[in-house]
Amino acid sequence: MTLNSAAQRDLLRDRLSKYCAETFDLELEQFDAEFFVDFIAKELGPLFYNAGIEEAIRTHQAWSERIREEMDLKRSINTAYRRRRSIKPCIHHGYNGDSFSISVYGKENHVAYHRSTRHF
């Protein structure tokens, strides 16, 4: 990791010096604090960078999976709708011993006729 400007380096140096003074009662010279900032940036910076990249990848994969699921849902609804609408009108009938039914499926409507023929 590199620090982009002298202002960033100075800010980190001052914050590190203040932290060490308050937490460890250790006074760092300006030169020592700059070397410590460089060490942290060089040794720990890549670890934090990689952790951020991995988190971004996980977030991207979660969003991609969610979008894929929504697209699959939309596709299945549209396919079923188109399939039903494109069928030519046809008649289905059946007789199971005590009832007779006729169903007509068309492009715009569904008509069902059911008549019980049960005799006592």
N, C-alpha and C. Protein backbone atom coordinates (compact mmCIF):
# COMPACT_ATOMS: atom_id res chain seq x y z
N MET A 1 0.85 -1.17 0.00
CA MET A 1 0.00 0.00 0.00
C MET A 1 0.89 1.23 0.00
N THR A 2 0.53 2.18 -0.80
CA THR A 2 1.27 3.44 -0.83
C THR A 2 0.35 4.56 -0.39
N LEU A 3 0.94 5.52 0.26
CA LEU A 3 0.18 6.70 0.68
C LEU A 3 0.28 7.71 -0.45
N ASN A 4 -0.86 8.25 -0.85
CA ASN A 4 -0.93 9.08 -2.04
C ASN A 4 -0.39 10.49 -1.86
N SER A 5 -0.40 11.00 -0.67
CA SER A 5 0.03 12.39 -0.51
C SER A 5 0.77 12.57 0.82
N ALA A 6 1.50 13.65 0.88
CA ALA A 6 2.22 13.98 2.11
C ALA A 6 1.23 14.28 3.23
N ALA A 7 0.07 14.83 2.87
CA ALA A 7 -0.95 15.14 3.88
C ALA A 7 -1.47 13.86 4.53
N GLN A 8 -1.67 12.80 3.72
CA GLN A 8 -2.12 11.52 4.29
C GLN A 8 -1.05 10.95 5.22
N ARG A 9 0.20 10.99 4.78
CA ARG A 9 1.31 10.48 5.59
C ARG A 9 1.40 11.25 6.92
N ASP A 10 1.29 12.56 6.85
CA ASP A 10 1.37 13.38 8.07
C ASP A 10 0.21 13.09 9.01
N LEU A 11 -0.98 12.93 8.45
CA LEU A 11 -2.16 12.64 9.27
C LEU A 11 -2.00 11.30 9.99
N LEU A 12 -1.59 10.27 9.25
CA LEU A 12 -1.39 8.96 9.87
C LEU A 12 -0.27 8.99 10.91
N ARG A 13 0.81 9.69 10.62
CA ARG A 13 1.93 9.81 11.56
C ARG A 13 1.46 10.46 12.86
N ASP A 14 0.71 11.56 12.73
CA ASP A 14 0.23 12.27 13.93
C ASP A 14 -0.75 11.42 14.72
N ARG A 15 -1.65 10.72 14.03
CA ARG A 15 -2.62 9.87 14.74
C ARG A 15 -1.93 8.70 15.44
N LEU A 16 -0.92 8.12 14.78
CA LEU A 16 -0.18 7.01 15.39
C LEU A 16 0.60 7.50 16.61
N SER A 17 1.23 8.64 16.51
CA SER A 17 1.98 9.21 17.64
C SER A 17 1.05 9.47 18.82
N LYS A 18 -0.11 10.05 18.54
CA LYS A 18 -1.09 10.33 19.60
C LYS A 18 -1.59 9.04 20.23
N TYR A 19 -1.89 8.03 19.41
CA TYR A 19 -2.39 6.74 19.93
C TYR A 19 -1.34 6.09 20.84
N CYS A 20 -0.10 6.05 20.39
CA CYS A 20 0.96 5.43 21.20
C CYS A 20 1.16 6.19 22.51
N ALA A 21 1.06 7.50 22.47
CA ALA A 21 1.24 8.30 23.69
C ALA A 21 0.10 8.05 24.67
N GLU A 22 -1.14 7.98 24.18
CA GLU A 22 -2.29 7.80 25.06
C GLU A 22 -2.43 6.37 25.56
N THR A 23 -2.17 5.41 24.71
CA THR A 23 -2.41 4.01 25.05
C THR A 23 -1.22 3.38 25.77
N PHE A 24 -0.03 3.61 25.27
CA PHE A 24 1.16 2.92 25.80
C PHE A 24 2.09 3.84 26.58
N ASP A 25 1.72 5.11 26.68
CA ASP A 25 2.57 6.10 27.32
C ASP A 25 3.96 6.09 26.69
N LEU A 26 3.96 6.07 25.35
CA LEU A 26 5.19 5.99 24.57
C LEU A 26 5.24 7.17 23.61
N GLU A 27 6.27 7.97 23.74
CA GLU A 27 6.45 9.13 22.87
C GLU A 27 7.28 8.71 21.66
N LEU A 28 6.69 8.82 20.46
CA LEU A 28 7.41 8.50 19.23
C LEU A 28 7.92 9.79 18.60
N GLU A 29 9.17 9.76 18.16
CA GLU A 29 9.72 10.87 17.40
C GLU A 29 9.06 10.87 16.02
N GLN A 30 9.11 12.00 15.36
CA GLN A 30 8.49 12.12 14.03
C GLN A 30 9.09 11.09 13.07
N PHE A 31 10.39 10.92 13.09
CA PHE A 31 11.07 9.99 12.20
C PHE A 31 10.63 8.55 12.49
N ASP A 32 10.57 8.18 13.77
CA ASP A 32 10.15 6.83 14.15
C ASP A 32 8.70 6.56 13.76
N ALA A 33 7.86 7.55 13.96
CA ALA A 33 6.44 7.39 13.62
C ALA A 33 6.26 7.21 12.11
N GLU A 34 7.07 7.92 11.31
CA GLU A 34 6.97 7.75 9.85
C GLU A 34 7.39 6.35 9.42
N PHE A 35 8.46 5.82 10.02
CA PHE A 35 8.87 4.45 9.70
C PHE A 35 7.81 3.44 10.13
N PHE A 36 7.18 3.69 11.26
CA PHE A 36 6.14 2.78 11.74
C PHE A 36 4.92 2.82 10.80
N VAL A 37 4.55 4.00 10.33
CA VAL A 37 3.45 4.13 9.37
C VAL A 37 3.80 3.40 8.08
N ASP A 38 5.04 3.54 7.60
CA ASP A 38 5.46 2.83 6.39
C ASP A 38 5.39 1.32 6.58
N PHE A 39 5.83 0.85 7.76
CA PHE A 39 5.78 -0.58 8.05
C PHE A 39 4.33 -1.09 8.04
N ILE A 40 3.44 -0.37 8.69
CA ILE A 40 2.03 -0.78 8.73
C ILE A 40 1.44 -0.79 7.33
N ALA A 41 1.75 0.24 6.55
CA ALA A 41 1.21 0.31 5.18
C ALA A 41 1.74 -0.83 4.33
N LYS A 42 3.03 -1.14 4.47
CA LYS A 42 3.64 -2.18 3.65
C LYS A 42 3.22 -3.58 4.07
N GLU A 43 3.20 -3.85 5.36
CA GLU A 43 2.95 -5.21 5.86
C GLU A 43 1.47 -5.51 6.09
N LEU A 44 0.73 -4.57 6.60
CA LEU A 44 -0.68 -4.82 6.93
C LEU A 44 -1.64 -4.33 5.86
N GLY A 45 -1.21 -3.37 5.07
CA GLY A 45 -2.07 -2.82 4.02
C GLY A 45 -2.62 -3.87 3.07
N PRO A 46 -1.77 -4.77 2.54
CA PRO A 46 -2.29 -5.81 1.63
C PRO A 46 -3.32 -6.73 2.28
N LEU A 47 -3.17 -6.99 3.57
CA LEU A 47 -4.15 -7.83 4.26
C LEU A 47 -5.52 -7.16 4.30
N PHE A 48 -5.54 -5.88 4.65
CA PHE A 48 -6.80 -5.16 4.67
C PHE A 48 -7.37 -4.99 3.27
N TYR A 49 -6.50 -4.76 2.30
CA TYR A 49 -6.94 -4.61 0.91
C TYR A 49 -7.60 -5.91 0.43
N ASN A 50 -6.93 -7.04 0.67
CA ASN A 50 -7.48 -8.33 0.24
C ASN A 50 -8.80 -8.65 0.94
N ALA A 51 -8.89 -8.29 2.22
CA ALA A 51 -10.15 -8.51 2.94
C ALA A 51 -11.27 -7.69 2.32
N GLY A 52 -10.97 -6.47 1.92
CA GLY A 52 -11.98 -5.63 1.26
C GLY A 52 -12.39 -6.18 -0.08
N ILE A 53 -11.43 -6.69 -0.85
CA ILE A 53 -11.74 -7.28 -2.15
C ILE A 53 -12.60 -8.53 -1.98
N GLU A 54 -12.26 -9.38 -1.01
CA GLU A 54 -13.06 -10.59 -0.76
C GLU A 54 -14.48 -10.24 -0.36
N GLU A 55 -14.65 -9.22 0.45
CA GLU A 55 -15.99 -8.78 0.85
C GLU A 55 -16.76 -8.26 -0.35
N ALA A 56 -16.08 -7.52 -1.23
CA ALA A 56 -16.74 -7.02 -2.44
C ALA A 56 -17.16 -8.17 -3.34
N ILE A 57 -16.33 -9.20 -3.44
CA ILE A 57 -16.68 -10.37 -4.26
C ILE A 57 -17.89 -11.08 -3.68
N ARG A 58 -17.90 -11.28 -2.35
CA ARG A 58 -19.06 -11.94 -1.72
C ARG A 58 -20.33 -11.13 -1.93
N THR A 59 -20.24 -9.81 -1.79
CA THR A 59 -21.41 -8.96 -2.01
C THR A 59 -21.88 -9.04 -3.45
N HIS A 60 -20.94 -9.01 -4.39
CA HIS A 60 -21.29 -9.10 -5.81
C HIS A 60 -21.94 -10.45 -6.12
N GLN A 61 -21.41 -11.53 -5.56
CA GLN A 61 -22.00 -12.85 -5.80
C GLN A 61 -23.40 -12.95 -5.22
N ALA A 62 -23.61 -12.38 -4.04
CA ALA A 62 -24.95 -12.41 -3.44
C ALA A 62 -25.94 -11.64 -4.30
N TRP A 63 -25.56 -10.46 -4.77
CA TRP A 63 -26.45 -9.68 -5.63
C TRP A 63 -26.69 -10.40 -6.95
N SER A 64 -25.64 -10.99 -7.52
CA SER A 64 -25.79 -11.72 -8.78
C SER A 64 -26.74 -12.89 -8.62
N GLU A 65 -26.63 -13.62 -7.51
CA GLU A 65 -27.52 -14.75 -7.26
C GLU A 65 -28.96 -14.28 -7.12
N ARG A 66 -29.15 -13.18 -6.41
CA ARG A 66 -30.51 -12.64 -6.24
C ARG A 66 -31.11 -12.22 -7.58
N ILE A 67 -30.31 -11.54 -8.39
CA ILE A 67 -30.80 -11.12 -9.71
C ILE A 67 -31.09 -12.34 -10.58
N ARG A 68 -30.21 -13.36 -10.54
CA ARG A 68 -30.41 -14.58 -11.32
C ARG A 68 -31.72 -15.27 -10.90
N GLU A 69 -31.98 -15.34 -9.59
CA GLU A 69 -33.22 -15.96 -9.12
C GLU A 69 -34.44 -15.19 -9.61
N GLU A 70 -34.37 -13.86 -9.56
CA GLU A 70 -35.50 -13.06 -10.03
C GLU A 70 -35.70 -13.20 -11.53
N MET A 71 -34.62 -13.30 -12.28
CA MET A 71 -34.74 -13.48 -13.72
C MET A 71 -35.31 -14.86 -14.05
N ASP A 72 -34.89 -15.89 -13.30
CA ASP A 72 -35.44 -17.23 -13.51
C ASP A 72 -36.93 -17.25 -13.20
N LEU A 73 -37.33 -16.57 -12.15
CA LEU A 73 -38.75 -16.50 -11.81
C LEU A 73 -39.52 -15.81 -12.91
N LYS A 74 -39.01 -14.70 -13.39
CA LYS A 74 -39.68 -13.97 -14.45
C LYS A 74 -39.76 -14.82 -15.71
N ARG A 75 -38.70 -15.51 -16.05
CA ARG A 75 -38.68 -16.32 -17.25
C ARG A 75 -39.71 -17.44 -17.15
N SER A 76 -39.82 -18.09 -16.01
CA SER A 76 -40.77 -19.19 -15.89
C SER A 76 -42.21 -18.68 -15.97
N ILE A 77 -42.49 -17.53 -15.43
CA ILE A 77 -43.84 -16.96 -15.52
C ILE A 77 -44.15 -16.60 -16.96
N ASN A 78 -43.24 -15.92 -17.64
CA ASN A 78 -43.46 -15.53 -19.02
C ASN A 78 -43.60 -16.74 -19.93
N THR A 79 -42.80 -17.77 -19.74
CA THR A 79 -42.88 -18.98 -20.56
C THR A 79 -44.23 -19.65 -20.39
N ALA A 80 -44.68 -19.78 -19.15
CA ALA A 80 -45.98 -20.42 -18.92
C ALA A 80 -47.10 -19.59 -19.53
N TYR A 81 -47.00 -18.27 -19.41
CA TYR A 81 -48.04 -17.41 -19.96
C TYR A 81 -48.07 -17.52 -21.48
N ARG A 82 -46.91 -17.45 -22.11
CA ARG A 82 -46.86 -17.55 -23.57
C ARG A 82 -47.33 -18.92 -24.04
N ARG A 83 -46.94 -19.96 -23.35
CA ARG A 83 -47.32 -21.30 -23.75
C ARG A 83 -48.84 -21.46 -23.70
N ARG A 84 -49.47 -20.96 -22.64
CA ARG A 84 -50.91 -21.08 -22.52
C ARG A 84 -51.62 -20.26 -23.58
N ARG A 85 -51.12 -19.08 -23.88
CA ARG A 85 -51.79 -18.19 -24.82
C ARG A 85 -51.62 -18.66 -26.27
N SER A 86 -50.58 -19.42 -26.57
CA SER A 86 -50.33 -19.78 -27.96
C SER A 86 -51.01 -21.09 -28.37
N ILE A 87 -51.63 -21.78 -27.43
CA ILE A 87 -52.30 -23.04 -27.76
C ILE A 87 -53.56 -22.74 -28.58
N LYS A 88 -53.74 -23.51 -29.61
CA LYS A 88 -54.96 -23.37 -30.40
C LYS A 88 -56.12 -23.92 -29.58
N PRO A 89 -57.32 -23.42 -29.82
CA PRO A 89 -58.47 -23.92 -29.06
C PRO A 89 -58.60 -25.43 -29.21
N CYS A 90 -58.82 -26.09 -28.11
CA CYS A 90 -59.00 -27.54 -28.15
C CYS A 90 -60.01 -27.94 -27.09
N ILE A 91 -60.56 -29.10 -27.23
CA ILE A 91 -61.58 -29.60 -26.31
C ILE A 91 -61.03 -30.83 -25.60
N HIS A 92 -61.17 -30.81 -24.29
CA HIS A 92 -60.82 -31.97 -23.48
C HIS A 92 -62.11 -32.47 -22.84
N HIS A 93 -62.32 -33.75 -22.86
CA HIS A 93 -63.52 -34.28 -22.24
C HIS A 93 -63.16 -35.55 -21.48
N GLY A 94 -63.99 -35.87 -20.57
CA GLY A 94 -63.74 -37.08 -19.79
C GLY A 94 -65.01 -37.59 -19.15
N TYR A 95 -65.02 -38.88 -18.91
CA TYR A 95 -66.16 -39.52 -18.28
C TYR A 95 -65.59 -40.50 -17.27
N ASN A 96 -65.96 -40.33 -16.00
CA ASN A 96 -65.42 -41.22 -14.99
C ASN A 96 -66.49 -42.08 -14.33
N GLY A 97 -67.58 -42.33 -14.98
CA GLY A 97 -68.61 -43.21 -14.44
C GLY A 97 -69.80 -42.47 -13.90
N ASP A 98 -69.60 -41.39 -13.17
CA ASP A 98 -70.76 -40.69 -12.63
C ASP A 98 -70.80 -39.22 -13.02
N SER A 99 -69.85 -38.75 -13.80
CA SER A 99 -69.92 -37.36 -14.26
C SER A 99 -69.24 -37.24 -15.61
N PHE A 100 -69.64 -36.23 -16.33
CA PHE A 100 -69.10 -35.95 -17.65
C PHE A 100 -68.67 -34.49 -17.67
N SER A 101 -67.49 -34.21 -18.15
CA SER A 101 -67.03 -32.82 -18.17
C SER A 101 -66.39 -32.51 -19.51
N ILE A 102 -66.56 -31.27 -19.93
CA ILE A 102 -65.94 -30.76 -21.15
C ILE A 102 -65.22 -29.46 -20.78
N SER A 103 -63.99 -29.35 -21.19
CA SER A 103 -63.24 -28.12 -20.98
C SER A 103 -62.74 -27.63 -22.32
N VAL A 104 -62.93 -26.35 -22.58
CA VAL A 104 -62.46 -25.75 -23.82
C VAL A 104 -61.42 -24.70 -23.44
N TYR A 105 -60.21 -24.86 -23.96
CA TYR A 105 -59.14 -23.89 -23.72
C TYR A 105 -58.93 -23.11 -24.99
N GLY A 106 -59.07 -21.82 -24.91
CA GLY A 106 -58.83 -20.98 -26.07
C GLY A 106 -57.79 -19.94 -25.77
N LYS A 107 -57.61 -19.04 -26.70
CA LYS A 107 -56.61 -18.00 -26.51
C LYS A 107 -57.00 -17.02 -25.43
N GLU A 108 -58.26 -16.71 -25.32
CA GLU A 108 -58.64 -15.65 -24.40
C GLU A 108 -59.54 -16.10 -23.27
N ASN A 109 -60.00 -17.32 -23.30
CA ASN A 109 -60.90 -17.72 -22.23
C ASN A 109 -60.77 -19.21 -21.95
N HIS A 110 -61.37 -19.60 -20.88
CA HIS A 110 -61.41 -21.00 -20.48
C HIS A 110 -62.86 -21.29 -20.07
N VAL A 111 -63.45 -22.21 -20.76
CA VAL A 111 -64.84 -22.57 -20.46
C VAL A 111 -64.85 -24.00 -19.95
N ALA A 112 -65.49 -24.21 -18.86
CA ALA A 112 -65.59 -25.57 -18.33
C ALA A 112 -67.06 -25.91 -18.13
N TYR A 113 -67.44 -27.08 -18.56
CA TYR A 113 -68.81 -27.54 -18.40
C TYR A 113 -68.74 -28.84 -17.64
N HIS A 114 -69.50 -28.93 -16.58
CA HIS A 114 -69.51 -30.14 -15.76
C HIS A 114 -70.95 -30.52 -15.48
N ARG A 115 -71.29 -31.74 -15.75
CA ARG A 115 -72.65 -32.19 -15.49
C ARG A 115 -72.59 -33.54 -14.81
N SER A 116 -73.26 -33.62 -13.74
CA SER A 116 -73.31 -34.89 -13.02
C SER A 116 -74.37 -35.77 -13.65
N THR A 117 -74.03 -37.01 -13.89
CA THR A 117 -74.98 -37.95 -14.48
C THR A 117 -75.30 -39.08 -13.52
N ARG A 118 -75.14 -38.82 -12.26
CA ARG A 118 -75.39 -39.85 -11.27
C ARG A 118 -76.89 -40.15 -11.21
N HIS A 119 -77.21 -41.40 -11.29
CA HIS A 119 -78.61 -41.83 -11.21
C HIS A 119 -78.80 -42.62 -9.93
N PHE A 120 -79.94 -42.41 -9.29
CA PHE A 120 -80.25 -43.14 -8.06
C PHE A 120 -81.33 -44.15 -8.30
